[in-house]
């Protein structure tokens, strides 16, 4: 089994339960860990035999652009679309991190992790 990791996908989005979050938005980081078998791609140097990082990025960007109150929902949509797009995935984990969440305290970030 092999791993492909796409880390630090940076996006600006408008998720959150507060009205202000829908208007001003904030920064997010998404990390994607995937287990697959890319031995054929390693032998043949053929992109179609592995997971295309650009497609992973495009899926994350597309789903992050759809407003949700909860990053849990956004994370699940990312997992669902990645699983739908890549039938060679054996294991998948998506982490969505919201930077500077509006809380009554000094909190740098909050994250959720979903395994699929």
PDB file of N, CA and C in Angstrom:
ATOM      1  N   UNK A   1       0.840  -1.184   0.000  1.00  0.00           N
ATOM      2  CA  UNK A   1       0.000   0.000   0.000  1.00  0.00           C
ATOM      3  C   UNK A   1       0.889   1.253   0.000  1.00  0.00           C
ATOM      4  N   UNK A   2       0.429   2.272  -0.667  1.00  0.00           N
ATOM      5  CA  UNK A   2       1.170   3.522  -0.776  1.00  0.00           C
ATOM      6  C   UNK A   2       0.328   4.674  -0.251  1.00  0.00           C
ATOM      7  N   UNK A   3       0.990   5.754   0.101  1.00  0.00           N
ATOM      8  CA  UNK A   3       0.288   6.939   0.584  1.00  0.00           C
ATOM      9  C   UNK A   3       0.574   8.123  -0.320  1.00  0.00           C
ATOM     10  N   UNK A   4      -0.450   8.898  -0.561  1.00  0.00           N
ATOM     11  CA  UNK A   4      -0.323  10.188  -1.235  1.00  0.00           C
ATOM     12  C   UNK A   4      -0.899  11.211  -0.265  1.00  0.00           C
ATOM     13  N   UNK A   5      -0.125  12.233   0.017  1.00  0.00           N
ATOM     14  CA  UNK A   5      -0.543  13.248   0.984  1.00  0.00           C
ATOM     15  C   UNK A   5      -0.494  14.615   0.305  1.00  0.00           C
ATOM     16  N   UNK A   6      -1.623  15.301   0.336  1.00  0.00           N
ATOM     17  CA  UNK A   6      -1.686  16.672  -0.182  1.00  0.00           C
ATOM     18  C   UNK A   6      -1.968  17.549   1.034  1.00  0.00           C
ATOM     19  N   UNK A   7      -0.970  18.313   1.447  1.00  0.00           N
ATOM     20  CA  UNK A   7      -1.068  19.080   2.680  1.00  0.00           C
ATOM     21  C   UNK A   7      -1.036  20.576   2.427  1.00  0.00           C
ATOM     22  N   UNK A   8      -1.717  21.282   3.298  1.00  0.00           N
ATOM     23  CA  UNK A   8      -1.634  22.742   3.275  1.00  0.00           C
ATOM     24  C   UNK A   8      -2.374  23.393   2.128  1.00  0.00           C
ATOM     25  N   UNK A   9      -3.513  22.828   1.749  1.00  0.00           N
ATOM     26  CA  UNK A   9      -4.337  23.481   0.729  1.00  0.00           C
ATOM     27  C   UNK A   9      -4.980  24.693   1.397  1.00  0.00           C
ATOM     28  N   UNK A  10      -4.589  25.869   0.977  1.00  0.00           N
ATOM     29  CA  UNK A  10      -5.061  27.103   1.617  1.00  0.00           C
ATOM     30  C   UNK A  10      -6.206  27.706   0.812  1.00  0.00           C
ATOM     31  N   UNK A  11      -7.300  27.988   1.532  1.00  0.00           N
ATOM     32  CA  UNK A  11      -8.465  28.614   0.897  1.00  0.00           C
ATOM     33  C   UNK A  11      -9.048  29.679   1.824  1.00  0.00           C
ATOM     34  N   UNK A  12      -9.745  30.602   1.238  1.00  0.00           N
ATOM     35  CA  UNK A  12     -10.499  31.595   1.997  1.00  0.00           C
ATOM     36  C   UNK A  12     -11.961  31.263   1.753  1.00  0.00           C
ATOM     37  N   UNK A  13     -12.732  31.093   2.843  1.00  0.00           N
ATOM     38  CA  UNK A  13     -14.121  30.663   2.692  1.00  0.00           C
ATOM     39  C   UNK A  13     -15.005  31.306   3.754  1.00  0.00           C
ATOM     40  N   UNK A  14     -16.286  31.026   3.675  1.00  0.00           N
ATOM     41  CA  UNK A  14     -17.291  31.727   4.475  1.00  0.00           C
ATOM     42  C   UNK A  14     -18.146  30.780   5.313  1.00  0.00           C
ATOM     43  N   UNK A  15     -17.548  29.779   5.917  1.00  0.00           N
ATOM     44  CA  UNK A  15     -18.277  28.816   6.736  1.00  0.00           C
ATOM     45  C   UNK A  15     -18.426  29.338   8.163  1.00  0.00           C
ATOM     46  N   UNK A  16     -19.503  28.924   8.804  1.00  0.00           N
ATOM     47  CA  UNK A  16     -19.702  29.280  10.205  1.00  0.00           C
ATOM     48  C   UNK A  16     -21.160  29.530  10.525  1.00  0.00           C
ATOM     49  N   UNK A  17     -21.474  29.461  11.782  1.00  0.00           N
ATOM     50  CA  UNK A  17     -22.853  29.638  12.249  1.00  0.00           C
ATOM     51  C   UNK A  17     -23.231  31.105  12.401  1.00  0.00           C
ATOM     52  N   UNK A  18     -22.258  31.971  12.535  1.00  0.00           N
ATOM     53  CA  UNK A  18     -22.540  33.387  12.741  1.00  0.00           C
ATOM     54  C   UNK A  18     -22.734  34.117  11.415  1.00  0.00           C
ATOM     55  N   UNK A  19     -23.641  35.088  11.409  1.00  0.00           N
ATOM     56  CA  UNK A  19     -23.887  35.895  10.209  1.00  0.00           C
ATOM     57  C   UNK A  19     -22.616  36.588   9.721  1.00  0.00           C
ATOM     58  N   UNK A  20     -21.804  37.074  10.672  1.00  0.00           N
ATOM     59  CA  UNK A  20     -20.578  37.768  10.310  1.00  0.00           C
ATOM     60  C   UNK A  20     -19.642  36.880   9.500  1.00  0.00           C
ATOM     61  N   UNK A  21     -19.632  35.592   9.824  1.00  0.00           N
ATOM     62  CA  UNK A  21     -18.751  34.669   9.118  1.00  0.00           C
ATOM     63  C   UNK A  21     -19.151  34.530   7.648  1.00  0.00           C
ATOM     64  N   UNK A  22     -20.437  34.647   7.388  1.00  0.00           N
ATOM     65  CA  UNK A  22     -20.923  34.574   6.009  1.00  0.00           C
ATOM     66  C   UNK A  22     -20.501  35.804   5.219  1.00  0.00           C
ATOM     67  N   UNK A  23     -20.248  36.896   5.921  1.00  0.00           N
ATOM     68  CA  UNK A  23     -19.897  38.148   5.243  1.00  0.00           C
ATOM     69  C   UNK A  23     -18.390  38.364   5.144  1.00  0.00           C
ATOM     70  N   UNK A  24     -17.673  38.103   6.238  1.00  0.00           N
ATOM     71  CA  UNK A  24     -16.241  38.440   6.238  1.00  0.00           C
ATOM     72  C   UNK A  24     -15.333  37.254   5.912  1.00  0.00           C
ATOM     73  N   UNK A  25     -15.778  36.038   6.198  1.00  0.00           N
ATOM     74  CA  UNK A  25     -14.978  34.853   5.901  1.00  0.00           C
ATOM     75  C   UNK A  25     -13.706  34.764   6.716  1.00  0.00           C
ATOM     76  N   UNK A  26     -12.955  33.698   6.486  1.00  0.00           N
ATOM     77  CA  UNK A  26     -11.670  33.500   7.158  1.00  0.00           C
ATOM     78  C   UNK A  26     -10.829  32.500   6.380  1.00  0.00           C
ATOM     79  N   UNK A  27      -9.629  32.287   6.861  1.00  0.00           N
ATOM     80  CA  UNK A  27      -8.698  31.371   6.206  1.00  0.00           C
ATOM     81  C   UNK A  27      -8.890  29.947   6.719  1.00  0.00           C
ATOM     82  N   UNK A  28      -8.730  28.998   5.802  1.00  0.00           N
ATOM     83  CA  UNK A  28      -8.826  27.571   6.107  1.00  0.00           C
ATOM     84  C   UNK A  28      -7.634  26.861   5.487  1.00  0.00           C
ATOM     85  N   UNK A  29      -7.282  25.731   6.091  1.00  0.00           N
ATOM     86  CA  UNK A  29      -6.288  24.839   5.516  1.00  0.00           C
ATOM     87  C   UNK A  29      -6.890  23.439   5.484  1.00  0.00           C
ATOM     88  N   UNK A  30      -6.698  22.763   4.363  1.00  0.00           N
ATOM     89  CA  UNK A  30      -7.204  21.397   4.218  1.00  0.00           C
ATOM     90  C   UNK A  30      -6.023  20.480   3.906  1.00  0.00           C
ATOM     91  N   UNK A  31      -5.982  19.347   4.610  1.00  0.00           N
ATOM     92  CA  UNK A  31      -4.969  18.317   4.382  1.00  0.00           C
ATOM     93  C   UNK A  31      -5.689  17.027   4.008  1.00  0.00           C
ATOM     94  N   UNK A  32      -5.136  16.306   3.020  1.00  0.00           N
ATOM     95  CA  UNK A  32      -5.756  15.071   2.541  1.00  0.00           C
ATOM     96  C   UNK A  32      -4.706  13.962   2.543  1.00  0.00           C
ATOM     97  N   UNK A  33      -5.001  12.867   3.250  1.00  0.00           N
ATOM     98  CA  UNK A  33      -4.140  11.688   3.288  1.00  0.00           C
ATOM     99  C   UNK A  33      -4.888  10.558   2.591  1.00  0.00           C
ATOM    100  N   UNK A  34      -4.232   9.928   1.607  1.00  0.00           N
ATOM    101  CA  UNK A  34      -4.882   8.869   0.839  1.00  0.00           C
ATOM    102  C   UNK A  34      -3.977   7.646   0.773  1.00  0.00           C
ATOM    103  N   UNK A  35      -4.581   6.469   0.924  1.00  0.00           N
ATOM    104  CA  UNK A  35      -3.857   5.221   0.714  1.00  0.00           C
ATOM    105  C   UNK A  35      -4.394   4.594  -0.563  1.00  0.00           C
ATOM    106  N   UNK A  36      -3.476   4.179  -1.420  1.00  0.00           N
ATOM    107  CA  UNK A  36      -3.825   3.600  -2.704  1.00  0.00           C
ATOM    108  C   UNK A  36      -2.665   2.707  -3.143  1.00  0.00           C
ATOM    109  N   UNK A  37      -2.809   2.089  -4.269  1.00  0.00           N
ATOM    110  CA  UNK A  37      -1.722   1.304  -4.854  1.00  0.00           C
ATOM    111  C   UNK A  37      -1.278   2.011  -6.125  1.00  0.00           C
ATOM    112  N   UNK A  38      -0.130   2.676  -6.062  1.00  0.00           N
ATOM    113  CA  UNK A  38       0.349   3.361  -7.261  1.00  0.00           C
ATOM    114  C   UNK A  38       1.580   2.675  -7.855  1.00  0.00           C
ATOM    115  N   UNK A  39       1.725   1.376  -7.609  1.00  0.00           N
ATOM    116  CA  UNK A  39       2.888   0.666  -8.130  1.00  0.00           C
ATOM    117  C   UNK A  39       2.928   0.670  -9.653  1.00  0.00           C
ATOM    118  N   UNK A  40       1.784   0.604 -10.319  1.00  0.00           N
ATOM    119  CA  UNK A  40       1.753   0.664 -11.781  1.00  0.00           C
ATOM    120  C   UNK A  40       2.231   2.025 -12.288  1.00  0.00           C
ATOM    121  N   UNK A  41       1.813   3.091 -11.628  1.00  0.00           N
ATOM    122  CA  UNK A  41       2.266   4.436 -11.998  1.00  0.00           C
ATOM    123  C   UNK A  41       3.765   4.579 -11.770  1.00  0.00           C
ATOM    124  N   UNK A  42       4.262   3.990 -10.690  1.00  0.00           N
ATOM    125  CA  UNK A  42       5.695   4.066 -10.395  1.00  0.00           C
ATOM    126  C   UNK A  42       6.518   3.348 -11.464  1.00  0.00           C
ATOM    127  N   UNK A  43       5.960   2.283 -12.026  1.00  0.00           N
ATOM    128  CA  UNK A  43       6.657   1.527 -13.077  1.00  0.00           C
ATOM    129  C   UNK A  43       6.567   2.215 -14.432  1.00  0.00           C
ATOM    130  N   UNK A  44       5.386   2.758 -14.734  1.00  0.00           N
ATOM    131  CA  UNK A  44       5.126   3.245 -16.100  1.00  0.00           C
ATOM    132  C   UNK A  44       5.229   4.754 -16.262  1.00  0.00           C
ATOM    133  N   UNK A  45       5.308   5.500 -15.156  1.00  0.00           N
ATOM    134  CA  UNK A  45       5.335   6.970 -15.205  1.00  0.00           C
ATOM    135  C   UNK A  45       4.061   7.520 -15.853  1.00  0.00           C
ATOM    136  N   UNK A  46       2.928   6.860 -15.580  1.00  0.00           N
ATOM    137  CA  UNK A  46       1.637   7.187 -16.197  1.00  0.00           C
ATOM    138  C   UNK A  46       0.707   7.791 -15.139  1.00  0.00           C
ATOM    139  N   UNK A  47       0.360   9.058 -15.324  1.00  0.00           N
ATOM    140  CA  UNK A  47      -0.497   9.767 -14.370  1.00  0.00           C
ATOM    141  C   UNK A  47      -1.859   9.111 -14.199  1.00  0.00           C
ATOM    142  N   UNK A  48      -2.372   8.471 -15.235  1.00  0.00           N
ATOM    143  CA  UNK A  48      -3.701   7.847 -15.150  1.00  0.00           C
ATOM    144  C   UNK A  48      -3.705   6.624 -14.235  1.00  0.00           C
ATOM    145  N   UNK A  49      -2.535   6.175 -13.801  1.00  0.00           N
ATOM    146  CA  UNK A  49      -2.438   5.001 -12.926  1.00  0.00           C
ATOM    147  C   UNK A  49      -2.289   5.378 -11.457  1.00  0.00           C
ATOM    148  N   UNK A  50      -2.521   6.653 -11.156  1.00  0.00           N
ATOM    149  CA  UNK A  50      -2.412   7.116  -9.771  1.00  0.00           C
ATOM    150  C   UNK A  50      -3.463   8.189  -9.523  1.00  0.00           C
ATOM    151  N   UNK A  51      -3.375   8.838  -8.395  1.00  0.00           N
ATOM    152  CA  UNK A  51      -4.307   9.911  -8.036  1.00  0.00           C
ATOM    153  C   UNK A  51      -3.679  11.247  -8.423  1.00  0.00           C
ATOM    154  N   UNK A  52      -4.391  12.004  -9.223  1.00  0.00           N
ATOM    155  CA  UNK A  52      -3.906  13.297  -9.712  1.00  0.00           C
ATOM    156  C   UNK A  52      -4.086  14.350  -8.616  1.00  0.00           C
ATOM    157  N   UNK A  53      -2.985  14.937  -8.151  1.00  0.00           N
ATOM    158  CA  UNK A  53      -3.031  15.938  -7.076  1.00  0.00           C
ATOM    159  C   UNK A  53      -3.853  17.152  -7.476  1.00  0.00           C
ATOM    160  N   UNK A  54      -3.816  17.498  -8.749  1.00  0.00           N
ATOM    161  CA  UNK A  54      -4.573  18.662  -9.226  1.00  0.00           C
ATOM    162  C   UNK A  54      -6.071  18.425  -9.047  1.00  0.00           C
ATOM    163  N   UNK A  55      -6.519  17.214  -9.317  1.00  0.00           N
ATOM    164  CA  UNK A  55      -7.936  16.882  -9.129  1.00  0.00           C
ATOM    165  C   UNK A  55      -8.309  16.950  -7.657  1.00  0.00           C
ATOM    166  N   UNK A  56      -7.424  16.478  -6.784  1.00  0.00           N
ATOM    167  CA  UNK A  56      -7.664  16.562  -5.333  1.00  0.00           C
ATOM    168  C   UNK A  56      -7.820  18.026  -4.936  1.00  0.00           C
ATOM    169  N   UNK A  57      -6.916  18.865  -5.379  1.00  0.00           N
ATOM    170  CA  UNK A  57      -6.974  20.304  -5.083  1.00  0.00           C
ATOM    171  C   UNK A  57      -8.281  20.915  -5.609  1.00  0.00           C
ATOM    172  N   UNK A  58      -8.650  20.587  -6.828  1.00  0.00           N
ATOM    173  CA  UNK A  58      -9.872  21.142  -7.423  1.00  0.00           C
ATOM    174  C   UNK A  58     -11.123  20.736  -6.654  1.00  0.00           C
ATOM    175  N   UNK A  59     -11.171  19.493  -6.185  1.00  0.00           N
ATOM    176  CA  UNK A  59     -12.314  19.020  -5.393  1.00  0.00           C
ATOM    177  C   UNK A  59     -12.389  19.780  -4.076  1.00  0.00           C
ATOM    178  N   UNK A  60     -11.263  19.921  -3.402  1.00  0.00           N
ATOM    179  CA  UNK A  60     -11.235  20.653  -2.131  1.00  0.00           C
ATOM    180  C   UNK A  60     -11.681  22.090  -2.348  1.00  0.00           C
ATOM    181  N   UNK A  61     -11.128  22.745  -3.353  1.00  0.00           N
ATOM    182  CA  UNK A  61     -11.465  24.145  -3.633  1.00  0.00           C
ATOM    183  C   UNK A  61     -12.957  24.303  -3.945  1.00  0.00           C
ATOM    184  N   UNK A  62     -13.492  23.393  -4.740  1.00  0.00           N
ATOM    185  CA  UNK A  62     -14.912  23.454  -5.110  1.00  0.00           C
ATOM    186  C   UNK A  62     -15.817  23.286  -3.879  1.00  0.00           C
ATOM    187  N   UNK A  63     -15.523  22.310  -3.055  1.00  0.00           N
ATOM    188  CA  UNK A  63     -16.365  22.049  -1.877  1.00  0.00           C
ATOM    189  C   UNK A  63     -16.222  23.147  -0.826  1.00  0.00           C
ATOM    190  N   UNK A  64     -15.032  23.703  -0.691  1.00  0.00           N
ATOM    191  CA  UNK A  64     -14.835  24.789   0.276  1.00  0.00           C
ATOM    192  C   UNK A  64     -15.558  26.059  -0.153  1.00  0.00           C
ATOM    193  N   UNK A  65     -15.870  26.195  -1.426  1.00  0.00           N
ATOM    194  CA  UNK A  65     -16.579  27.378  -1.931  1.00  0.00           C
ATOM    195  C   UNK A  65     -18.078  27.317  -1.657  1.00  0.00           C
ATOM    196  N   UNK A  66     -18.582  26.147  -1.267  1.00  0.00           N
ATOM    197  CA  UNK A  66     -20.008  25.987  -0.953  1.00  0.00           C
ATOM    198  C   UNK A  66     -20.178  26.233   0.545  1.00  0.00           C
ATOM    199  N   UNK A  67     -20.882  27.293   0.882  1.00  0.00           N
ATOM    200  CA  UNK A  67     -21.015  27.688   2.286  1.00  0.00           C
ATOM    201  C   UNK A  67     -21.767  26.650   3.110  1.00  0.00           C
ATOM    202  N   UNK A  68     -21.246  26.396   4.296  1.00  0.00           N
ATOM    203  CA  UNK A  68     -21.887  25.542   5.299  1.00  0.00           C
ATOM    204  C   UNK A  68     -21.725  26.203   6.650  1.00  0.00           C
ATOM    205  N   UNK A  69     -22.611  25.887   7.555  1.00  0.00           N
ATOM    206  CA  UNK A  69     -22.456  26.377   8.918  1.00  0.00           C
ATOM    207  C   UNK A  69     -21.326  25.635   9.620  1.00  0.00           C
ATOM    208  N   UNK A  70     -21.175  24.349   9.314  1.00  0.00           N
ATOM    209  CA  UNK A  70     -20.219  23.509  10.028  1.00  0.00           C
ATOM    210  C   UNK A  70     -19.112  23.011   9.107  1.00  0.00           C
ATOM    211  N   UNK A  71     -17.872  23.069   9.588  1.00  0.00           N
ATOM    212  CA  UNK A  71     -16.778  22.511   8.799  1.00  0.00           C
ATOM    213  C   UNK A  71     -16.886  20.983   8.747  1.00  0.00           C
ATOM    214  N   UNK A  72     -17.637  20.406   9.664  1.00  0.00           N
ATOM    215  CA  UNK A  72     -17.887  18.967   9.625  1.00  0.00           C
ATOM    216  C   UNK A  72     -18.592  18.589   8.316  1.00  0.00           C
ATOM    217  N   UNK A  73     -19.549  19.405   7.908  1.00  0.00           N
ATOM    218  CA  UNK A  73     -20.275  19.126   6.664  1.00  0.00           C
ATOM    219  C   UNK A  73     -19.368  19.301   5.452  1.00  0.00           C
ATOM    220  N   UNK A  74     -18.564  20.342   5.457  1.00  0.00           N
ATOM    221  CA  UNK A  74     -17.639  20.584   4.347  1.00  0.00           C
ATOM    222  C   UNK A  74     -16.667  19.412   4.225  1.00  0.00           C
ATOM    223  N   UNK A  75     -16.118  18.982   5.348  1.00  0.00           N
ATOM    224  CA  UNK A  75     -15.191  17.850   5.342  1.00  0.00           C
ATOM    225  C   UNK A  75     -15.828  16.595   4.786  1.00  0.00           C
ATOM    226  N   UNK A  76     -17.080  16.345   5.159  1.00  0.00           N
ATOM    227  CA  UNK A  76     -17.771  15.148   4.660  1.00  0.00           C
ATOM    228  C   UNK A  76     -18.001  15.229   3.154  1.00  0.00           C
ATOM    229  N   UNK A  77     -18.336  16.418   2.664  1.00  0.00           N
ATOM    230  CA  UNK A  77     -18.516  16.581   1.212  1.00  0.00           C
ATOM    231  C   UNK A  77     -17.214  16.312   0.463  1.00  0.00           C
ATOM    232  N   UNK A  78     -16.101  16.776   1.018  1.00  0.00           N
ATOM    233  CA  UNK A  78     -14.800  16.534   0.392  1.00  0.00           C
ATOM    234  C   UNK A  78     -14.517  15.040   0.353  1.00  0.00           C
ATOM    235  N   UNK A  79     -14.719  14.352   1.475  1.00  0.00           N
ATOM    236  CA  UNK A  79     -14.512  12.897   1.538  1.00  0.00           C
ATOM    237  C   UNK A  79     -15.382  12.198   0.504  1.00  0.00           C
ATOM    238  N   UNK A  80     -16.657  12.550   0.464  1.00  0.00           N
ATOM    239  CA  UNK A  80     -17.594  11.890  -0.454  1.00  0.00           C
ATOM    240  C   UNK A  80     -17.179  12.068  -1.913  1.00  0.00           C
ATOM    241  N   UNK A  81     -16.784  13.288  -2.290  1.00  0.00           N
ATOM    242  CA  UNK A  81     -16.419  13.523  -3.682  1.00  0.00           C
ATOM    243  C   UNK A  81     -15.093  12.850  -4.039  1.00  0.00           C
ATOM    244  N   UNK A  82     -14.138  12.860  -3.126  1.00  0.00           N
ATOM    245  CA  UNK A  82     -12.873  12.169  -3.402  1.00  0.00           C
ATOM    246  C   UNK A  82     -13.099  10.673  -3.587  1.00  0.00           C
ATOM    247  N   UNK A  83     -13.932  10.070  -2.739  1.00  0.00           N
ATOM    248  CA  UNK A  83     -14.230   8.643  -2.869  1.00  0.00           C
ATOM    249  C   UNK A  83     -14.948   8.349  -4.179  1.00  0.00           C
ATOM    250  N   UNK A  84     -15.807   9.268  -4.584  1.00  0.00           N
ATOM    251  CA  UNK A  84     -16.534   9.093  -5.841  1.00  0.00           C
ATOM    252  C   UNK A  84     -15.597   9.228  -7.045  1.00  0.00           C
ATOM    253  N   UNK A  85     -14.656  10.149  -6.970  1.00  0.00           N
ATOM    254  CA  UNK A  85     -13.739  10.426  -8.080  1.00  0.00           C
ATOM    255  C   UNK A  85     -12.657   9.348  -8.241  1.00  0.00           C
ATOM    256  N   UNK A  86     -12.161   8.829  -7.116  1.00  0.00           N
ATOM    257  CA  UNK A  86     -11.040   7.890  -7.154  1.00  0.00           C
ATOM    258  C   UNK A  86     -11.453   6.543  -6.569  1.00  0.00           C
ATOM    259  N   UNK A  87     -11.769   5.603  -7.440  1.00  0.00           N
ATOM    260  CA  UNK A  87     -12.198   4.288  -6.952  1.00  0.00           C
ATOM    261  C   UNK A  87     -11.018   3.420  -6.501  1.00  0.00           C
ATOM    262  N   UNK A  88      -9.807   3.919  -6.622  1.00  0.00           N
ATOM    263  CA  UNK A  88      -8.621   3.173  -6.188  1.00  0.00           C
ATOM    264  C   UNK A  88      -8.218   3.497  -4.747  1.00  0.00           C
ATOM    265  N   UNK A  89      -8.975   4.372  -4.087  1.00  0.00           N
ATOM    266  CA  UNK A  89      -8.665   4.727  -2.699  1.00  0.00           C
ATOM    267  C   UNK A  89      -8.967   3.552  -1.767  1.00  0.00           C
ATOM    268  N   UNK A  90      -8.001   3.204  -0.940  1.00  0.00           N
ATOM    269  CA  UNK A  90      -8.217   2.172   0.072  1.00  0.00           C
ATOM    270  C   UNK A  90      -8.547   2.808   1.416  1.00  0.00           C
ATOM    271  N   UNK A  91      -7.957   3.961   1.655  1.00  0.00           N
ATOM    272  CA  UNK A  91      -8.172   4.671   2.910  1.00  0.00           C
ATOM    273  C   UNK A  91      -8.029   6.153   2.625  1.00  0.00           C
ATOM    274  N   UNK A  92      -8.806   6.950   3.331  1.00  0.00           N
ATOM    275  CA  UNK A  92      -8.829   8.391   3.093  1.00  0.00           C
ATOM    276  C   UNK A  92      -9.044   9.113   4.411  1.00  0.00           C
ATOM    277  N   UNK A  93      -8.348  10.211   4.577  1.00  0.00           N
ATOM    278  CA  UNK A  93      -8.540  11.056   5.754  1.00  0.00           C
ATOM    279  C   UNK A  93      -8.441  12.507   5.306  1.00  0.00           C
ATOM    280  N   UNK A  94      -9.401  13.311   5.747  1.00  0.00           N
ATOM    281  CA  UNK A  94      -9.437  14.735   5.392  1.00  0.00           C
ATOM    282  C   UNK A  94      -9.478  15.547   6.679  1.00  0.00           C
ATOM    283  N   UNK A  95      -8.593  16.539   6.747  1.00  0.00           N
ATOM    284  CA  UNK A  95      -8.560  17.453   7.895  1.00  0.00           C
ATOM    285  C   UNK A  95      -8.880  18.856   7.393  1.00  0.00           C
ATOM    286  N   UNK A  96      -9.887  19.483   8.001  1.00  0.00           N
ATOM    287  CA  UNK A  96     -10.250  20.866   7.680  1.00  0.00           C
ATOM    288  C   UNK A  96      -9.946  21.712   8.911  1.00  0.00           C
ATOM    289  N   UNK A  97      -9.129  22.730   8.722  1.00  0.00           N
ATOM    290  CA  UNK A  97      -8.727  23.610   9.818  1.00  0.00           C
ATOM    291  C   UNK A  97      -9.226  25.021   9.553  1.00  0.00           C
ATOM    292  N   UNK A  98      -9.916  25.573  10.535  1.00  0.00           N
ATOM    293  CA  UNK A  98     -10.404  26.949  10.475  1.00  0.00           C
ATOM    294  C   UNK A  98      -9.479  27.804  11.329  1.00  0.00           C
ATOM    295  N   UNK A  99      -8.901  28.811  10.718  1.00  0.00           N
ATOM    296  CA  UNK A  99      -7.974  29.695  11.434  1.00  0.00           C
ATOM    297  C   UNK A  99      -8.733  30.867  12.065  1.00  0.00           C
ATOM    298  N   UNK A 100      -8.303  31.255  13.234  1.00  0.00           N
ATOM    299  CA  UNK A 100      -8.894  32.381  13.973  1.00  0.00           C
ATOM    300  C   UNK A 100     -10.412  32.270  14.108  1.00  0.00           C
ATOM    301  N   UNK A 101     -10.908  31.182  14.707  1.00  0.00           N
ATOM    302  CA  UNK A 101     -12.352  31.037  14.867  1.00  0.00           C
ATOM    303  C   UNK A 101     -12.912  32.099  15.818  1.00  0.00           C
ATOM    304  N   UNK A 102     -14.121  32.574  15.538  1.00  0.00           N
ATOM    305  CA  UNK A 102     -14.705  33.609  16.399  1.00  0.00           C
ATOM    306  C   UNK A 102     -15.219  32.996  17.705  1.00  0.00           C
ATOM    307  N   UNK A 103     -14.359  32.976  18.700  1.00  0.00           N
ATOM    308  CA  UNK A 103     -14.715  32.408  19.996  1.00  0.00           C
ATOM    309  C   UNK A 103     -14.390  33.434  21.071  1.00  0.00           C
ATOM    310  N   UNK A 104     -14.957  33.254  22.219  1.00  0.00           N
ATOM    311  CA  UNK A 104     -14.663  34.146  23.339  1.00  0.00           C
ATOM    312  C   UNK A 104     -13.375  33.690  24.023  1.00  0.00           C
ATOM    313  N   UNK A 105     -12.285  33.776  23.280  1.00  0.00           N
ATOM    314  CA  UNK A 105     -10.996  33.364  23.808  1.00  0.00           C
ATOM    315  C   UNK A 105      -9.945  33.444  22.727  1.00  0.00           C
ATOM    316  N   UNK A 106      -8.715  33.267  23.129  1.00  0.00           N
ATOM    317  CA  UNK A 106      -7.600  33.339  22.201  1.00  0.00           C
ATOM    318  C   UNK A 106      -7.343  31.938  21.643  1.00  0.00           C
ATOM    319  N   UNK A 107      -7.959  31.627  20.499  1.00  0.00           N
ATOM    320  CA  UNK A 107      -7.841  30.313  19.877  1.00  0.00           C
ATOM    321  C   UNK A 107      -7.292  30.496  18.467  1.00  0.00           C
ATOM    322  N   UNK A 108      -6.162  29.872  18.201  1.00  0.00           N
ATOM    323  CA  UNK A 108      -5.509  30.011  16.898  1.00  0.00           C
ATOM    324  C   UNK A 108      -6.277  29.317  15.790  1.00  0.00           C
ATOM    325  N   UNK A 109      -6.754  28.062  16.071  1.00  0.00           N
ATOM    326  CA  UNK A 109      -7.449  27.311  15.037  1.00  0.00           C
ATOM    327  C   UNK A 109      -8.226  26.156  15.642  1.00  0.00           C
ATOM    328  N   UNK A 110      -9.204  25.692  14.880  1.00  0.00           N
ATOM    329  CA  UNK A 110      -9.957  24.478  15.223  1.00  0.00           C
ATOM    330  C   UNK A 110      -9.938  23.597  13.985  1.00  0.00           C
ATOM    331  N   UNK A 111      -9.937  22.292  14.214  1.00  0.00           N
ATOM    332  CA  UNK A 111      -9.876  21.337  13.106  1.00  0.00           C
ATOM    333  C   UNK A 111     -10.828  20.188  13.319  1.00  0.00           C
ATOM    334  N   UNK A 112     -11.248  19.598  12.203  1.00  0.00           N
ATOM    335  CA  UNK A 112     -11.973  18.327  12.244  1.00  0.00           C
ATOM    336  C   UNK A 112     -11.225  17.368  11.322  1.00  0.00           C
ATOM    337  N   UNK A 113     -11.307  16.090  11.632  1.00  0.00           N
ATOM    338  CA  UNK A 113     -10.714  15.067  10.797  1.00  0.00           C
ATOM    339  C   UNK A 113     -11.779  14.019  10.519  1.00  0.00           C
ATOM    340  N   UNK A 114     -11.941  13.669   9.237  1.00  0.00           N
ATOM    341  CA  UNK A 114     -12.904  12.652   8.846  1.00  0.00           C
ATOM    342  C   UNK A 114     -12.159  11.569   8.075  1.00  0.00           C
ATOM    343  N   UNK A 115     -12.366  10.334   8.497  1.00  0.00           N
ATOM    344  CA  UNK A 115     -11.798   9.185   7.783  1.00  0.00           C
ATOM    345  C   UNK A 115     -12.894   8.592   6.904  1.00  0.00           C
ATOM    346  N   UNK A 116     -12.495   8.205   5.725  1.00  0.00           N
ATOM    347  CA  UNK A 116     -13.487   7.644   4.810  1.00  0.00           C
ATOM    348  C   UNK A 116     -13.006   6.379   4.174  1.00  0.00           C
TER     349      UNK A 116
END
